[in-house]
Amino acid sequence: MSVFTFQATVHPDWIDYNGHMRDAYYGLVFSMASDAFLDSIGVTADYRATTGGTVYLVECHTFYLAEVKIDAPLVVEARVLDVDSKRFVVHMTMLSDGKVRAVNERMELHVNQHPEPRAEALPDDIRATLDALKLDTGEIAALPQRARKLGFGA
């Protein structure tokens, strides 16, 4: 599974005065997709409760490419672009009716919240899962759309 998918439907209260989804709700859909992705790699509610470990969003960039209307079905595809000891970068593509509507890239940081929040290395099993999902350079280059590139280092 190098591509994780999440599905949603555009709710009526997400629609703005132009008749399409308000920009803030693109962020909500990407955030919900991120939560579902985190569950799939082992950063679950149980993991958070028993270890104090969680993931914080450090940075994200979104390109809004096409509008979506009320009741539109959405599919978000998530792909891992990079991983280091504490961080990982996920590329998300939002599609509706097979057309790319938005792209979001996000850098996530593993954090232990107890006693005070601090960055902490990813557990070995979660790191191994992320490493296994990471796209190779050819797959990354073939992505049809990228937000502003995120990475580790200068």
C-alpha atoms as a PDB file:
ATOM      1  CA  MET A   1       0.000   0.000   0.000  1.00  0.00           C
ATOM      2  CA  SER A   2       2.080   2.955  -1.189  1.00  0.00           C
ATOM      3  CA  VAL A   3      -1.134   4.968  -1.682  1.00  0.00           C
ATOM      4  CA  PHE A   4      -3.557   5.470   1.197  1.00  0.00           C
ATOM      5  CA  THR A   5      -7.055   6.678   0.284  1.00  0.00           C
ATOM      6  CA  PHE A   6      -9.674   8.566   2.261  1.00  0.00           C
ATOM      7  CA  GLN A   7     -13.198   9.416   1.124  1.00  0.00           C
ATOM      8  CA  ALA A   8     -15.552  12.241   2.044  1.00  0.00           C
ATOM      9  CA  THR A   9     -18.517  14.119   0.624  1.00  0.00           C
ATOM     10  CA  VAL A  10     -18.850  17.898   0.415  1.00  0.00           C
ATOM     11  CA  HIS A  11     -21.390  18.969   3.043  1.00  0.00           C
ATOM     12  CA  PRO A  12     -23.878  21.796   2.361  1.00  0.00           C
ATOM     13  CA  ASP A  13     -22.416  23.934   5.172  1.00  0.00           C
ATOM     14  CA  TRP A  14     -18.989  23.767   3.490  1.00  0.00           C
ATOM     15  CA  ILE A  15     -20.252  25.819   0.533  1.00  0.00           C
ATOM     16  CA  ASP A  16     -19.416  29.533   0.253  1.00  0.00           C
ATOM     17  CA  TYR A  17     -21.141  32.481  -1.431  1.00  0.00           C
ATOM     18  CA  ASN A  18     -19.663  31.434  -4.806  1.00  0.00           C
ATOM     19  CA  GLY A  19     -21.413  28.072  -4.677  1.00  0.00           C
ATOM     20  CA  HIS A  20     -18.296  25.977  -4.185  1.00  0.00           C
ATOM     21  CA  MET A  21     -16.398  24.529  -1.240  1.00  0.00           C
ATOM     22  CA  ARG A  22     -14.911  27.194   1.033  1.00  0.00           C
ATOM     23  CA  ASP A  23     -11.091  27.110   1.132  1.00  0.00           C
ATOM     24  CA  ALA A  24     -11.019  26.289   4.859  1.00  0.00           C
ATOM     25  CA  TYR A  25     -12.874  23.036   4.212  1.00  0.00           C
ATOM     26  CA  TYR A  26     -10.200  21.834   1.817  1.00  0.00           C
ATOM     27  CA  GLY A  27      -7.951  22.058   4.874  1.00  0.00           C
ATOM     28  CA  LEU A  28     -10.500  20.178   6.970  1.00  0.00           C
ATOM     29  CA  VAL A  29     -10.711  17.351   4.429  1.00  0.00           C
ATOM     30  CA  PHE A  30      -6.904  17.118   4.229  1.00  0.00           C
ATOM     31  CA  SER A  31      -6.745  17.121   8.043  1.00  0.00           C
ATOM     32  CA  MET A  32      -9.328  14.327   8.309  1.00  0.00           C
ATOM     33  CA  ALA A  33      -7.436  12.351   5.656  1.00  0.00           C
ATOM     34  CA  SER A  34      -4.241  12.868   7.656  1.00  0.00           C
ATOM     35  CA  ASP A  35      -5.909  11.546  10.819  1.00  0.00           C
ATOM     36  CA  ALA A  36      -7.108   8.439   8.963  1.00  0.00           C
ATOM     37  CA  PHE A  37      -3.622   7.956   7.477  1.00  0.00           C
ATOM     38  CA  LEU A  38      -2.065   8.232  10.951  1.00  0.00           C
ATOM     39  CA  ASP A  39      -4.456   5.569  12.248  1.00  0.00           C
ATOM     40  CA  SER A  40      -3.411   3.304   9.370  1.00  0.00           C
ATOM     41  CA  ILE A  41       0.289   3.540  10.286  1.00  0.00           C
ATOM     42  CA  GLY A  42      -0.271   2.927  14.000  1.00  0.00           C
ATOM     43  CA  VAL A  43      -0.660   6.419  15.449  1.00  0.00           C
ATOM     44  CA  THR A  44      -4.073   5.507  16.844  1.00  0.00           C
ATOM     45  CA  ALA A  45      -6.092   6.808  19.782  1.00  0.00           C
ATOM     46  CA  ASP A  46      -4.818   3.841  21.814  1.00  0.00           C
ATOM     47  CA  TYR A  47      -1.202   4.628  20.855  1.00  0.00           C
ATOM     48  CA  ARG A  48      -1.643   8.260  21.902  1.00  0.00           C
ATOM     49  CA  ALA A  49      -3.316   7.311  25.202  1.00  0.00           C
ATOM     50  CA  THR A  50      -0.775   4.672  26.215  1.00  0.00           C
ATOM     51  CA  THR A  51       2.468   6.317  25.064  1.00  0.00           C
ATOM     52  CA  GLY A  52       1.839  10.063  25.055  1.00  0.00           C
ATOM     53  CA  GLY A  53       3.161   9.986  21.488  1.00  0.00           C
ATOM     54  CA  THR A  54       1.352  11.848  18.757  1.00  0.00           C
ATOM     55  CA  VAL A  55       2.001  13.749  15.552  1.00  0.00           C
ATOM     56  CA  TYR A  56       1.964  17.526  15.116  1.00  0.00           C
ATOM     57  CA  LEU A  57       1.631  19.259  11.775  1.00  0.00           C
ATOM     58  CA  VAL A  58       4.705  21.466  11.343  1.00  0.00           C
ATOM     59  CA  GLU A  59       4.149  22.925   7.885  1.00  0.00           C
ATOM     60  CA  CYS A  60       1.780  22.469   4.966  1.00  0.00           C
ATOM     61  CA  HIS A  61       1.215  23.937   1.533  1.00  0.00           C
ATOM     62  CA  THR A  62      -1.957  23.669  -0.514  1.00  0.00           C
ATOM     63  CA  PHE A  63      -2.644  24.346  -4.186  1.00  0.00           C
ATOM     64  CA  TYR A  64      -6.310  24.913  -5.022  1.00  0.00           C
ATOM     65  CA  LEU A  65      -6.674  23.710  -8.594  1.00  0.00           C
ATOM     66  CA  ALA A  66     -10.397  23.312  -9.261  1.00  0.00           C
ATOM     67  CA  GLU A  67     -13.621  23.940  -7.410  1.00  0.00           C
ATOM     68  CA  VAL A  68     -15.878  21.322  -5.897  1.00  0.00           C
ATOM     69  CA  LYS A  69     -19.610  21.704  -5.412  1.00  0.00           C
ATOM     70  CA  ILE A  70     -22.152  20.568  -2.840  1.00  0.00           C
ATOM     71  CA  ASP A  71     -22.474  16.781  -2.386  1.00  0.00           C
ATOM     72  CA  ALA A  72     -19.396  16.115  -4.542  1.00  0.00           C
ATOM     73  CA  PRO A  73     -17.633  12.866  -3.678  1.00  0.00           C
ATOM     74  CA  LEU A  74     -14.012  13.413  -2.677  1.00  0.00           C
ATOM     75  CA  VAL A  75     -11.105  10.985  -2.638  1.00  0.00           C
ATOM     76  CA  VAL A  76      -7.830  11.981  -1.012  1.00  0.00           C
ATOM     77  CA  GLU A  77      -4.765   9.947  -1.933  1.00  0.00           C
ATOM     78  CA  ALA A  78      -1.848  10.146   0.520  1.00  0.00           C
ATOM     79  CA  ARG A  79       1.723   9.188  -0.357  1.00  0.00           C
ATOM     80  CA  VAL A  80       4.858   9.318   1.812  1.00  0.00           C
ATOM     81  CA  LEU A  81       7.628  11.374   0.217  1.00  0.00           C
ATOM     82  CA  ASP A  82      10.274  11.469   2.927  1.00  0.00           C
ATOM     83  CA  VAL A  83      11.006  10.159   6.414  1.00  0.00           C
ATOM     84  CA  ASP A  84      13.707  10.836   8.983  1.00  0.00           C
ATOM     85  CA  SER A  85      14.015   9.918  12.659  1.00  0.00           C
ATOM     86  CA  LYS A  86      11.273  12.316  13.856  1.00  0.00           C
ATOM     87  CA  ARG A  87       9.549  13.713  10.758  1.00  0.00           C
ATOM     88  CA  PHE A  88       7.802  12.630   7.609  1.00  0.00           C
ATOM     89  CA  VAL A  89       6.402  14.365   4.543  1.00  0.00           C
ATOM     90  CA  VAL A  90       3.081  13.337   3.041  1.00  0.00           C
ATOM     91  CA  HIS A  91       1.770  14.379  -0.375  1.00  0.00           C
ATOM     92  CA  MET A  92      -2.026  14.435  -0.659  1.00  0.00           C
ATOM     93  CA  THR A  93      -4.077  14.722  -3.819  1.00  0.00           C
ATOM     94  CA  MET A  94      -7.781  15.581  -3.568  1.00  0.00           C
ATOM     95  CA  LEU A  95      -9.842  14.245  -6.447  1.00  0.00           C
ATOM     96  CA  SER A  96     -13.481  14.479  -7.389  1.00  0.00           C
ATOM     97  CA  ASP A  97     -14.941  12.731 -10.419  1.00  0.00           C
ATOM     98  CA  GLY A  98     -11.398  11.669 -11.356  1.00  0.00           C
ATOM     99  CA  LYS A  99     -10.140  15.258 -11.601  1.00  0.00           C
ATOM    100  CA  VAL A 100      -7.441  16.683  -9.316  1.00  0.00           C
ATOM    101  CA  ARG A 101      -9.041  19.471  -7.277  1.00  0.00           C
ATOM    102  CA  ALA A 102      -6.283  20.304  -4.782  1.00  0.00           C
ATOM    103  CA  VAL A 103      -2.852  19.162  -3.657  1.00  0.00           C
ATOM    104  CA  ASN A 104      -1.464  19.383  -0.140  1.00  0.00           C
ATOM    105  CA  GLU A 105       2.014  18.588   1.141  1.00  0.00           C
ATOM    106  CA  ARG A 106       2.530  18.379   4.874  1.00  0.00           C
ATOM    107  CA  MET A 107       5.491  17.885   7.174  1.00  0.00           C
ATOM    108  CA  GLU A 108       4.548  15.988  10.305  1.00  0.00           C
ATOM    109  CA  LEU A 109       6.583  15.711  13.515  1.00  0.00           C
ATOM    110  CA  HIS A 110       6.405  12.924  16.091  1.00  0.00           C
ATOM    111  CA  VAL A 111       5.954  14.447  19.561  1.00  0.00           C
ATOM    112  CA  ASN A 112       5.726  13.066  23.079  1.00  0.00           C
ATOM    113  CA  GLN A 113       3.274  15.234  25.004  1.00  0.00           C
ATOM    114  CA  HIS A 114       4.267  14.152  28.535  1.00  0.00           C
ATOM    115  CA  PRO A 115       5.203  15.938  30.675  1.00  0.00           C
ATOM    116  CA  GLU A 116       5.653  18.788  28.136  1.00  0.00           C
ATOM    117  CA  PRO A 117       5.438  18.474  24.343  1.00  0.00           C
ATOM    118  CA  ARG A 118       8.827  17.685  22.785  1.00  0.00           C
ATOM    119  CA  ALA A 119       9.968  16.175  19.515  1.00  0.00           C
ATOM    120  CA  GLU A 120      10.829  12.512  19.853  1.00  0.00           C
ATOM    121  CA  ALA A 121      12.040   9.788  17.491  1.00  0.00           C
ATOM    122  CA  LEU A 122       9.364   7.769  15.771  1.00  0.00           C
ATOM    123  CA  PRO A 123       8.915   4.295  17.263  1.00  0.00           C
ATOM    124  CA  ASP A 124      10.721   1.643  15.229  1.00  0.00           C
ATOM    125  CA  ASP A 125       7.539  -0.038  13.985  1.00  0.00           C
ATOM    126  CA  ILE A 126       5.939   3.212  12.803  1.00  0.00           C
ATOM    127  CA  ARG A 127       9.198   4.339  11.210  1.00  0.00           C
ATOM    128  CA  ALA A 128       9.476   0.979   9.406  1.00  0.00           C
ATOM    129  CA  THR A 129       5.915   1.352   8.115  1.00  0.00           C
ATOM    130  CA  LEU A 130       6.623   4.864   6.830  1.00  0.00           C
ATOM    131  CA  ASP A 131       9.896   3.716   5.232  1.00  0.00           C
ATOM    132  CA  ALA A 132       8.034   0.895   3.468  1.00  0.00           C
ATOM    133  CA  LEU A 133       5.435   3.368   2.147  1.00  0.00           C
ATOM    134  CA  LYS A 134       7.968   5.936   0.963  1.00  0.00           C
ATOM    135  CA  LEU A 135       7.921   6.524  -2.766  1.00  0.00           C
ATOM    136  CA  ASP A 136      11.183   6.184  -4.651  1.00  0.00           C
ATOM    137  CA  THR A 137      12.636   9.178  -6.507  1.00  0.00           C
ATOM    138  CA  GLY A 138      11.111   8.107  -9.825  1.00  0.00           C
ATOM    139  CA  GLU A 139       7.641   7.805  -8.289  1.00  0.00           C
ATOM    140  CA  ILE A 140       8.011  11.215  -6.657  1.00  0.00           C
ATOM    141  CA  ALA A 141       9.141  12.780  -9.943  1.00  0.00           C
ATOM    142  CA  ALA A 142       6.125  11.249 -11.693  1.00  0.00           C
ATOM    143  CA  LEU A 143       3.579  12.871  -9.380  1.00  0.00           C
ATOM    144  CA  PRO A 144       1.429  15.032 -11.646  1.00  0.00           C
ATOM    145  CA  GLN A 145       1.168  17.989  -9.289  1.00  0.00           C
ATOM    146  CA  ARG A 146       3.183  19.154  -6.310  1.00  0.00           C
ATOM    147  CA  ALA A 147       2.654  21.900  -3.788  1.00  0.00           C
ATOM    148  CA  ARG A 148       5.759  23.814  -2.739  1.00  0.00           C
ATOM    149  CA  LYS A 149       8.331  21.112  -2.035  1.00  0.00           C
ATOM    150  CA  LEU A 150       8.895  20.271   1.610  1.00  0.00           C
ATOM    151  CA  GLY A 151      11.996  18.486   2.811  1.00  0.00           C
ATOM    152  CA  PHE A 152      14.608  18.149   5.504  1.00  0.00           C
ATOM    153  CA  GLY A 153      17.680  20.310   5.250  1.00  0.00           C
ATOM    154  CA  ALA A 154      18.744  23.329   3.273  1.00  0.00           C
END
